[in-house]
Each structure stands twice: as structure tokens, then as C-alpha cells.
């Protein structure tokens, strides 16, 4: 019964982890990877735990799975964190714990740590970019000044990757902090104090009917004259 509870807790945890990642970063391919790796590790670890296989083989299988996945395609450090979280959840759901509450508690701790560290509001002003600048810059002070004027931010670290004197270009890896916070959602309502222009029913009728004269003009004869 405890094994079924751990498996159910693992499935709920990996579903929450994967759904949160997809809502924040919108990568559908990694949704399949996270869920497949988690369930696969869960099944293999449960089989190894129920049989007489040593722990060394299990750790070796864990390392082989990690190497195969990480060498298949290039992923960012954020995706690596989510990937290893899915692996750890699968292992926690398969291996029995001394106390019934220990496995779900460790899963909850892992989820809170990963999701809180990846929250969009955490360190939202700090960015990193790789830029190719026009011109060969060998003076670091002038390079930082140009980057701050170009990005409109405070540059913390600049790493010059390449200076091409032939093509007159500079490749840099810059880490900076945006001075102004990102603007919120654009408002579509009317601002306070903005005058509201109202159109009378007569003017709307005159402009909507075909062949009608514009509002404010007289199309008939003047009083007392014969047409």
C-alpha cells in the first residue's frame, strides 16, 4: 500500500512540474521528455528495489540515462534542472522510505525548490545575452559604456569571446541588469479624465444613410427663394 501511495505521489508531482514548466516556457517537446523519463526511472527503480539487484547497478543505470539524454540535444541550464527533478521524483517514488511521510515530503520539497527558483519574478531584471558588435573593441571601459548605452542597462560582467580585426567585429557575452522593471499588461480601457465624444442620433443617421449630406450643411433651398 505504501508503494502505491508513493507512485501516486510521484505521478501527481511530475504532472505539476511538467505543467508549470509548459505554462512558463511553452516547450512541448520537453513535456514528453520529462514525463517519459520520470515514469521510466520509476518503473526501473521499482523493479530493482523489489528484486535482488544491487544498488550499484541502479546507480549505473541512472548515470547511463543521464548521459544519453544530455548528449542527445543541447538544452539550457533551466531545462537541466527540470530534467534532474523529474529523475529524482521517479527515484523517490520507487524506493521505499523509513517513514510513510518521508517520500511525499521530499517530493514536495523538491517541487517547491525548483518552481520557486524558476519563478518569473525572481531576479527578473537580470539578463544574459551574446552579442556581435560592429567594430573591434579592445578597450574594456569603452566596450562597457557602449553596451550600457545599447542595452539601456547596468552591465555587471562582460566576457569578450572573439575580436575579429579583419571583419571588424566583436563577440561578447554580457550579463546586465535592466534599470526599469518590465511593464505590465497594457490597459485597453479609457484613461481617467479623457473626454468622451458623443454623437447625436441625427448626425449618426445623416452619416450612415447613403447620399446624405454631411452634418452641418443645408441641402435644400434658402427660405423665400424658388428652387
Protein backbone atom coordinates (compact mmCIF):
# COMPACT_ATOMS: atom_id res chain seq x y z
CA UNK A 1 0.00 0.00 0.00
CA UNK A 2 2.84 2.38 0.79
CA UNK A 3 4.34 1.65 -2.64
CA UNK A 4 1.10 2.64 -4.38
CA UNK A 5 0.93 5.87 -2.38
CA UNK A 6 4.48 6.78 -3.39
CA UNK A 7 3.77 6.02 -7.06
CA UNK A 8 0.63 8.16 -6.99
CA UNK A 9 2.50 11.00 -5.28
CA UNK A 10 5.22 10.80 -7.94
CA UNK A 11 2.73 10.99 -10.80
CA UNK A 12 0.99 13.99 -9.26
CA UNK A 13 4.33 15.72 -8.62
CA UNK A 14 5.70 15.19 -12.13
CA UNK A 15 2.39 16.33 -13.63
CA UNK A 16 2.56 19.55 -11.62
CA UNK A 17 6.22 20.04 -12.52
CA UNK A 18 5.65 19.49 -16.23
CA UNK A 19 2.51 21.63 -16.42
CA UNK A 20 4.19 24.53 -14.65
CA UNK A 21 7.20 24.31 -16.95
CA UNK A 22 4.98 24.26 -20.05
CA UNK A 23 2.95 27.27 -18.91
CA UNK A 24 6.10 29.28 -18.26
CA UNK A 25 8.28 28.29 -21.23
CA UNK A 26 5.95 26.66 -23.82
CA UNK A 27 8.20 23.80 -24.94
CA UNK A 28 6.02 20.84 -25.81
CA UNK A 29 8.92 18.54 -26.70
CA UNK A 30 10.27 18.63 -23.16
CA UNK A 31 6.87 17.77 -21.72
CA UNK A 32 7.15 14.33 -23.31
CA UNK A 33 10.78 14.04 -22.16
CA UNK A 34 10.05 14.90 -18.52
CA UNK A 35 7.08 12.57 -18.20
CA UNK A 36 8.76 9.71 -20.10
CA UNK A 37 11.97 9.93 -18.10
CA UNK A 38 10.10 10.12 -14.81
CA UNK A 39 7.87 7.13 -15.48
CA UNK A 40 10.75 5.14 -16.95
CA UNK A 41 13.01 5.74 -13.97
CA UNK A 42 10.10 4.99 -11.65
CA UNK A 43 9.47 1.61 -13.30
CA UNK A 44 13.14 0.63 -13.45
CA UNK A 45 13.87 1.70 -9.87
CA UNK A 46 10.77 -0.11 -8.60
CA UNK A 47 11.88 -3.28 -10.37
CA UNK A 48 15.39 -3.00 -8.97
CA UNK A 49 14.06 -2.35 -5.48
CA UNK A 50 11.75 -5.35 -5.49
CA UNK A 51 14.39 -7.77 -6.81
CA UNK A 52 17.78 -8.82 -5.57
CA UNK A 53 19.74 -6.44 -7.78
CA UNK A 54 22.45 -4.41 -6.10
CA UNK A 55 22.38 -0.67 -5.69
CA UNK A 56 25.48 -0.23 -7.87
CA UNK A 57 23.60 -1.38 -10.96
CA UNK A 58 20.82 1.06 -10.22
CA UNK A 59 23.21 3.99 -9.89
CA UNK A 60 24.95 2.93 -13.09
CA UNK A 61 21.64 2.86 -14.93
CA UNK A 62 20.83 6.31 -13.58
CA UNK A 63 24.14 7.63 -14.96
CA UNK A 64 23.61 6.00 -18.37
CA UNK A 65 20.14 7.53 -18.68
CA UNK A 66 21.51 10.96 -17.79
CA UNK A 67 24.35 10.77 -20.30
CA UNK A 68 22.11 9.58 -23.13
CA UNK A 69 19.57 12.34 -22.54
CA UNK A 70 22.05 15.17 -22.09
CA UNK A 71 24.13 14.23 -25.13
CA UNK A 72 21.12 13.85 -27.44
CA UNK A 73 20.45 17.58 -27.79
CA UNK A 74 21.68 20.82 -26.34
CA UNK A 75 19.43 22.14 -23.57
CA UNK A 76 19.76 25.08 -21.23
CA UNK A 77 20.60 25.01 -17.55
CA UNK A 78 16.94 25.60 -16.66
CA UNK A 79 15.88 22.51 -18.60
CA UNK A 80 18.67 20.50 -16.96
CA UNK A 81 17.25 21.41 -13.53
CA UNK A 82 13.76 20.31 -14.54
CA UNK A 83 15.15 17.15 -16.09
CA UNK A 84 17.01 16.07 -12.97
CA UNK A 85 13.99 16.98 -10.86
CA UNK A 86 11.93 14.55 -12.93
CA UNK A 87 14.62 11.89 -12.41
CA UNK A 88 14.73 12.49 -8.67
CA UNK A 89 10.95 12.32 -8.37
CA UNK A 90 10.96 8.96 -10.12
CA UNK A 91 13.57 7.57 -7.74
CA UNK A 92 11.76 8.91 -4.68
CA UNK A 93 8.54 7.34 -5.87
CA UNK A 94 10.11 3.91 -6.39
CA UNK A 95 12.35 3.46 -3.37
CA UNK A 96 10.70 2.73 -0.01
CA UNK A 97 11.27 5.26 2.77
CA UNK A 98 11.69 4.55 6.50
CA UNK A 99 8.62 6.67 7.28
CA UNK A 100 5.43 6.87 5.17
CA UNK A 101 5.54 10.66 5.08
CA UNK A 102 9.19 10.95 4.09
CA UNK A 103 8.79 10.27 0.35
CA UNK A 104 5.94 12.73 -0.30
CA UNK A 105 7.65 15.33 1.90
CA UNK A 106 10.87 15.10 -0.12
CA UNK A 107 8.89 15.33 -3.36
CA UNK A 108 7.13 18.45 -2.11
CA UNK A 109 10.45 19.96 -1.06
CA UNK A 110 11.94 19.30 -4.49
CA UNK A 111 8.94 20.82 -6.26
CA UNK A 112 8.94 23.94 -4.11
CA UNK A 113 12.68 24.44 -4.62
CA UNK A 114 12.60 24.10 -8.43
CA UNK A 115 9.40 26.02 -9.07
CA UNK A 116 10.30 28.84 -6.69
CA UNK A 117 13.80 29.22 -8.16
CA UNK A 118 12.30 29.40 -11.66
CA UNK A 119 9.60 31.93 -10.77
CA UNK A 120 9.37 34.76 -13.34
CA UNK A 121 9.51 37.46 -10.66
CA UNK A 122 12.73 36.17 -9.14
CA UNK A 123 15.68 38.26 -10.40
CA UNK A 124 13.57 39.40 -13.36
CA UNK A 125 15.82 42.37 -14.14
CA UNK A 126 18.94 40.29 -14.61
CA UNK A 127 19.59 39.12 -18.17
CA UNK A 128 22.28 37.46 -20.25
CA UNK A 129 22.92 37.88 -23.97
CA UNK A 130 25.53 37.01 -26.55
CA UNK A 131 26.06 39.93 -28.91
CA UNK A 132 28.07 40.60 -32.06
CA UNK A 133 29.12 44.24 -32.15
CA UNK A 134 30.19 46.24 -35.16
CA UNK A 135 33.76 47.28 -34.54
CA UNK A 136 36.81 45.71 -32.92
CA UNK A 137 36.77 46.75 -29.26
CA UNK A 138 39.92 46.21 -27.23
CA UNK A 139 39.22 48.84 -24.57
CA UNK A 140 37.00 47.26 -21.90
CA UNK A 141 35.84 50.59 -20.46
CA UNK A 142 34.66 51.83 -23.84
CA UNK A 143 33.07 48.45 -24.52
CA UNK A 144 31.08 48.55 -21.29
CA UNK A 145 29.96 52.12 -22.00
CA UNK A 146 28.73 51.16 -25.46
CA UNK A 147 26.89 48.12 -24.14
CA UNK A 148 25.18 50.13 -21.42
CA UNK A 149 24.05 52.71 -23.97
CA UNK A 150 22.90 50.00 -26.36
CA UNK A 151 21.02 47.91 -23.83
CA UNK A 152 19.86 50.72 -21.56
CA UNK A 153 21.00 48.71 -18.56
CA UNK A 154 23.75 48.38 -15.99
CA UNK A 155 26.39 45.95 -17.20
CA UNK A 156 27.81 43.71 -14.49
CA UNK A 157 30.07 41.34 -16.42
CA UNK A 158 31.43 41.33 -19.96
CA UNK A 159 33.31 38.41 -21.43
CA UNK A 160 34.91 39.03 -24.82
CA UNK A 161 34.62 35.81 -26.78
CA UNK A 162 36.26 36.94 -30.01
CA UNK A 163 37.74 40.06 -31.59
CA UNK A 164 37.91 39.92 -35.39
CA UNK A 165 40.23 42.61 -36.72
CA UNK A 166 39.61 41.59 -40.33
CA UNK A 167 35.81 41.80 -40.32
CA UNK A 168 35.87 44.50 -37.63
CA UNK A 169 33.50 42.71 -35.21
CA UNK A 170 33.50 41.81 -31.51
CA UNK A 171 31.71 38.83 -29.96
CA UNK A 172 30.76 39.35 -26.32
CA UNK A 173 28.86 37.54 -23.60
CA UNK A 174 27.26 40.18 -21.40
CA UNK A 175 25.38 39.91 -18.11
CA UNK A 176 23.40 43.01 -17.22
CA UNK A 177 20.57 44.38 -15.11
CA UNK A 178 17.65 46.24 -16.65
CA UNK A 179 17.20 49.62 -14.97
CA UNK A 180 13.43 49.83 -15.42
CA UNK A 181 11.17 46.89 -14.49
CA UNK A 182 9.20 45.22 -17.29
CA UNK A 183 5.93 46.96 -18.00
CA UNK A 184 2.74 45.22 -17.00
CA UNK A 185 -0.17 44.25 -19.17
CA UNK A 186 -1.30 47.00 -21.46
CA UNK A 187 -4.55 48.62 -20.43
CA UNK A 188 -7.29 48.80 -23.00
CA UNK A 189 -9.79 50.91 -21.06
CA UNK A 190 -10.27 54.66 -21.22
CA UNK A 191 -7.99 56.81 -19.11
CA UNK A 192 -9.43 58.89 -16.35
CA UNK A 193 -10.19 62.44 -17.50
CA UNK A 194 -10.32 61.57 -21.20
CA UNK A 195 -13.30 63.37 -22.78
CA UNK A 196 -15.99 61.20 -24.29
CA UNK A 197 -17.19 62.34 -27.71
CA UNK A 198 -20.90 61.68 -28.14
CA UNK A 199 -22.69 61.87 -31.48
CA UNK A 200 -26.34 62.80 -31.75
CA UNK A 201 -28.89 60.47 -33.36
CA UNK A 202 -29.49 62.95 -36.21
CA UNK A 203 -25.79 63.11 -37.11
CA UNK A 204 -25.43 59.31 -36.97
CA UNK A 205 -28.44 58.93 -39.27
CA UNK A 206 -27.11 61.52 -41.70
CA UNK A 207 -23.68 59.91 -41.93
CA UNK A 208 -24.97 56.34 -42.17
CA UNK A 209 -27.52 56.90 -44.95
CA UNK A 210 -26.04 56.75 -48.49
CA UNK A 211 -26.07 60.01 -50.40
CA UNK A 212 -26.84 62.09 -47.36
CA UNK A 213 -25.26 65.48 -46.95
CA UNK A 214 -22.63 65.90 -44.25
CA UNK A 215 -23.76 67.08 -40.85
CA UNK A 216 -23.93 70.87 -40.52
CA UNK A 217 -24.74 71.55 -44.21
CA UNK A 218 -28.03 72.58 -45.83
CA UNK A 219 -29.10 70.73 -48.95
CA UNK A 220 -32.40 72.48 -49.60
CA UNK A 221 -33.31 75.97 -50.82
CA UNK A 222 -32.92 79.04 -48.75
CA UNK A 223 -36.10 80.42 -47.17
CA UNK A 224 -38.05 82.65 -49.50
CA UNK A 225 -36.30 81.51 -52.70
CA UNK A 226 -37.60 79.42 -55.53
CA UNK A 227 -35.67 76.31 -56.40
